[in-house]
C-alpha atoms as a PDB file:
ATOM      1  CA  MET A   1     -55.678  31.444-165.098  1.00  0.00           C
ATOM      2  CA  ILE A   2     -52.712  29.659-163.401  1.00  0.00           C
ATOM      3  CA  LYS A   3     -50.685  31.376-160.830  1.00  0.00           C
ATOM      4  CA  GLU A   4     -47.047  30.182-160.670  1.00  0.00           C
ATOM      5  CA  VAL A   5     -45.902  29.404-156.874  1.00  0.00           C
ATOM      6  CA  PRO A   6     -42.646  31.177-156.291  1.00  0.00           C
ATOM      7  CA  PRO A   7     -39.805  28.722-155.087  1.00  0.00           C
ATOM      8  CA  PRO A   8     -39.221  28.962-151.287  1.00  0.00           C
ATOM      9  CA  ILE A   9     -36.628  31.200-149.938  1.00  0.00           C
ATOM     10  CA  VAL A  10     -33.479  29.268-148.698  1.00  0.00           C
ATOM     11  CA  GLU A  11     -32.088  30.771-145.440  1.00  0.00           C
ATOM     12  CA  ASN A  12     -28.917  29.834-143.618  1.00  0.00           C
ATOM     13  CA  THR A  13     -29.985  26.563-141.591  1.00  0.00           C
ATOM     14  CA  ASN A  14     -26.866  26.727-139.613  1.00  0.00           C
ATOM     15  CA  LYS A  15     -27.639  29.382-137.139  1.00  0.00           C
ATOM     16  CA  THR A  16     -24.480  28.505-135.144  1.00  0.00           C
ATOM     17  CA  GLU A  17     -22.121  30.015-137.633  1.00  0.00           C
ATOM     18  CA  GLU A  18     -24.046  33.332-137.408  1.00  0.00           C
ATOM     19  CA  ILE A  19     -23.879  33.186-133.663  1.00  0.00           C
ATOM     20  CA  LEU A  20     -20.520  31.574-132.793  1.00  0.00           C
ATOM     21  CA  PRO A  21     -17.836  32.795-135.116  1.00  0.00           C
ATOM     22  CA  GLN A  22     -15.598  29.870-136.141  1.00  0.00           C
ATOM     23  CA  LYS A  23     -12.126  30.101-134.601  1.00  0.00           C
ATOM     24  CA  ASP A  24      -8.904  28.381-135.609  1.00  0.00           C
ATOM     25  CA  GLN A  25      -9.284  24.952-134.726  1.00  0.00           C
ATOM     26  CA  ILE A  26      -6.467  23.199-133.360  1.00  0.00           C
ATOM     27  CA  GLN A  27      -6.090  19.481-132.098  1.00  0.00           C
ATOM     28  CA  ILE A  28      -5.662  19.388-128.345  1.00  0.00           C
ATOM     29  CA  GLY A  29      -4.879  16.182-126.423  1.00  0.00           C
ATOM     30  CA  PHE A  30      -3.809  12.853-127.664  1.00  0.00           C
ATOM     31  CA  TRP A  31      -4.829   9.239-127.070  1.00  0.00           C
ATOM     32  CA  ASN A  32      -2.482   7.179-124.878  1.00  0.00           C
ATOM     33  CA  LYS A  33      -1.966   3.326-125.144  1.00  0.00           C
ATOM     34  CA  LYS A  34      -4.861   2.491-122.756  1.00  0.00           C
ATOM     35  CA  GLY A  35      -7.254   4.583-124.886  1.00  0.00           C
ATOM     36  CA  ASP A  36      -7.597   7.398-122.608  1.00  0.00           C
ATOM     37  CA  LEU A  37      -7.612  11.140-124.165  1.00  0.00           C
ATOM     38  CA  THR A  38      -4.727  12.892-122.395  1.00  0.00           C
ATOM     39  CA  PHE A  39      -4.014  16.498-122.149  1.00  0.00           C
ATOM     40  CA  SER A  40      -0.954  18.480-121.368  1.00  0.00           C
ATOM     41  CA  ALA A  41      -0.876  21.401-118.631  1.00  0.00           C
ATOM     42  CA  GLU A  42      -0.800  23.975-121.359  1.00  0.00           C
ATOM     43  CA  GLU A  43      -3.725  22.427-123.257  1.00  0.00           C
ATOM     44  CA  VAL A  44      -5.815  22.112-119.833  1.00  0.00           C
ATOM     45  CA  GLU A  45      -5.066  25.787-119.151  1.00  0.00           C
ATOM     46  CA  LEU A  46      -6.119  26.766-122.917  1.00  0.00           C
ATOM     47  CA  ILE A  47      -9.373  24.932-122.331  1.00  0.00           C
ATOM     48  CA  GLN A  48     -10.007  26.340-119.021  1.00  0.00           C
ATOM     49  CA  ARG A  49      -9.595  29.857-120.542  1.00  0.00           C
ATOM     50  CA  GLU A  50     -11.944  29.071-123.436  1.00  0.00           C
ATOM     51  CA  PHE A  51     -14.822  27.664-121.183  1.00  0.00           C
ATOM     52  CA  GLU A  52     -14.337  30.048-118.232  1.00  0.00           C
ATOM     53  CA  PRO A  53     -17.491  32.333-119.231  1.00  0.00           C
ATOM     54  CA  PHE A  54     -19.686  29.217-119.514  1.00  0.00           C
ATOM     55  CA  TYR A  55     -18.434  28.345-116.053  1.00  0.00           C
ATOM     56  CA  MET A  56     -19.023  31.797-114.454  1.00  0.00           C
ATOM     57  CA  ASN A  57     -22.315  31.871-116.086  1.00  0.00           C
ATOM     58  CA  ARG A  58     -23.220  28.452-114.365  1.00  0.00           C
ATOM     59  CA  LEU A  59     -21.951  29.710-110.994  1.00  0.00           C
ATOM     60  CA  SER A  60     -23.816  32.941-111.087  1.00  0.00           C
ATOM     61  CA  ASN A  61     -27.100  31.017-112.148  1.00  0.00           C
ATOM     62  CA  LEU A  62     -26.660  28.594-109.167  1.00  0.00           C
ATOM     63  CA  ARG A  63     -26.411  31.233-106.776  1.00  0.00           C
ATOM     64  CA  GLU A  64     -29.583  33.033-107.956  1.00  0.00           C
ATOM     65  CA  ASN A  65     -31.397  29.700-107.683  1.00  0.00           C
ATOM     66  CA  LYS A  66     -30.184  29.122-104.332  1.00  0.00           C
ATOM     67  CA  ARG A  67     -31.581  32.641-103.082  1.00  0.00           C
ATOM     68  CA  LYS A  68     -34.973  32.132-104.741  1.00  0.00           C
ATOM     69  CA  PHE A  69     -35.592  28.804-103.284  1.00  0.00           C
ATOM     70  CA  LYS A  70     -34.318  29.007 -99.761  1.00  0.00           C
ATOM     71  CA  ASP A  71     -37.145  28.170 -97.458  1.00  0.00           C
ATOM     72  CA  PRO A  72     -37.319  29.754 -94.293  1.00  0.00           C
ATOM     73  CA  LYS A  73     -37.561  27.470 -91.104  1.00  0.00           C
ATOM     74  CA  PRO A  74     -41.214  26.401 -90.634  1.00  0.00           C
ATOM     75  CA  LYS A  75     -43.027  27.638 -87.567  1.00  0.00           C
ATOM     76  CA  TYR A  76     -44.516  24.612 -85.618  1.00  0.00           C
ATOM     77  CA  GLU A  77     -47.530  25.585 -83.681  1.00  0.00           C
ATOM     78  CA  PHE A  78     -48.155  22.249 -82.171  1.00  0.00           C
ATOM     79  CA  LYS A  79     -46.062  21.385 -79.138  1.00  0.00           C
ATOM     80  CA  PRO A  80     -46.744  17.993 -77.501  1.00  0.00           C
ATOM     81  CA  ARG A  81     -47.215  17.675 -73.871  1.00  0.00           C
ATOM     82  CA  ILE A  82     -46.820  14.467 -71.782  1.00  0.00           C
ATOM     83  CA  ASN A  83     -50.118  13.409 -69.964  1.00  0.00           C
ATOM     84  CA  LYS A  84     -49.872  13.328 -66.006  1.00  0.00           C
ATOM     85  CA  LYS A  85     -51.074   9.979 -65.729  1.00  0.00           C
ATOM     86  CA  SER A  86     -48.260   8.893 -68.163  1.00  0.00           C
ATOM     87  CA  ILE A  87     -45.694  10.619 -66.244  1.00  0.00           C
ATOM     88  CA  LYS A  88     -46.895   8.863 -63.004  1.00  0.00           C
ATOM     89  CA  MET A  89     -46.798   5.350 -64.944  1.00  0.00           C
ATOM     90  CA  ALA A  90     -43.223   6.331 -65.777  1.00  0.00           C
ATOM     91  CA  GLU A  91     -42.128   7.156 -62.316  1.00  0.00           C
ATOM     92  CA  LYS A  92     -43.493   3.785 -60.993  1.00  0.00           C
ATOM     93  CA  ARG A  93     -41.858   1.910 -63.743  1.00  0.00           C
ATOM     94  CA  LYS A  94     -38.577   3.659 -62.893  1.00  0.00           C
ATOM     95  CA  THR A  95     -39.040   3.112 -59.313  1.00  0.00           C
ATOM     96  CA  LYS A  96     -39.631  -0.687 -59.719  1.00  0.00           C
ATOM     97  CA  ILE A  97     -36.684  -0.920 -61.970  1.00  0.00           C
ATOM     98  CA  LEU A  98     -34.421   0.675 -59.568  1.00  0.00           C
ATOM     99  CA  ASN A  99     -35.568  -1.425 -56.715  1.00  0.00           C
ATOM    100  CA  LEU A 100     -34.923  -4.540 -58.579  1.00  0.00           C
ATOM    101  CA  VAL A 101     -31.351  -3.377 -59.613  1.00  0.00           C
ATOM    102  CA  GLU A 102     -30.597  -2.366 -55.904  1.00  0.00           C
ATOM    103  CA  PHE A 103     -31.689  -5.759 -54.412  1.00  0.00           C
ATOM    104  CA  GLY A 104     -30.202  -7.776 -57.375  1.00  0.00           C
ATOM    105  CA  VAL A 105     -33.552  -9.249 -58.294  1.00  0.00           C
ATOM    106  CA  ARG A 106     -34.143 -10.419 -61.951  1.00  0.00           C
END
């Protein structure tokens, strides 16, 4: 008894068509003599209006991440102190240098 294998079900592989409806496509911008893509003020406004939701989404995400990862200032328990012997040595050195400067000895 041979069973026949059913053909595979072919689905729409281009999911973007389902998610993002296609709008009327218009040509925006032009290439100048230097080879740069150039936009007019009206075209820039149109582009900004079209991509504003993406920009706002990005900003809100950045603000949320900033709040999440803000580290509190670390609390340091170690507080170094200068040894009394070191303080005496420093005072002697300062006095010696002052005496040399006052008397003009090098």
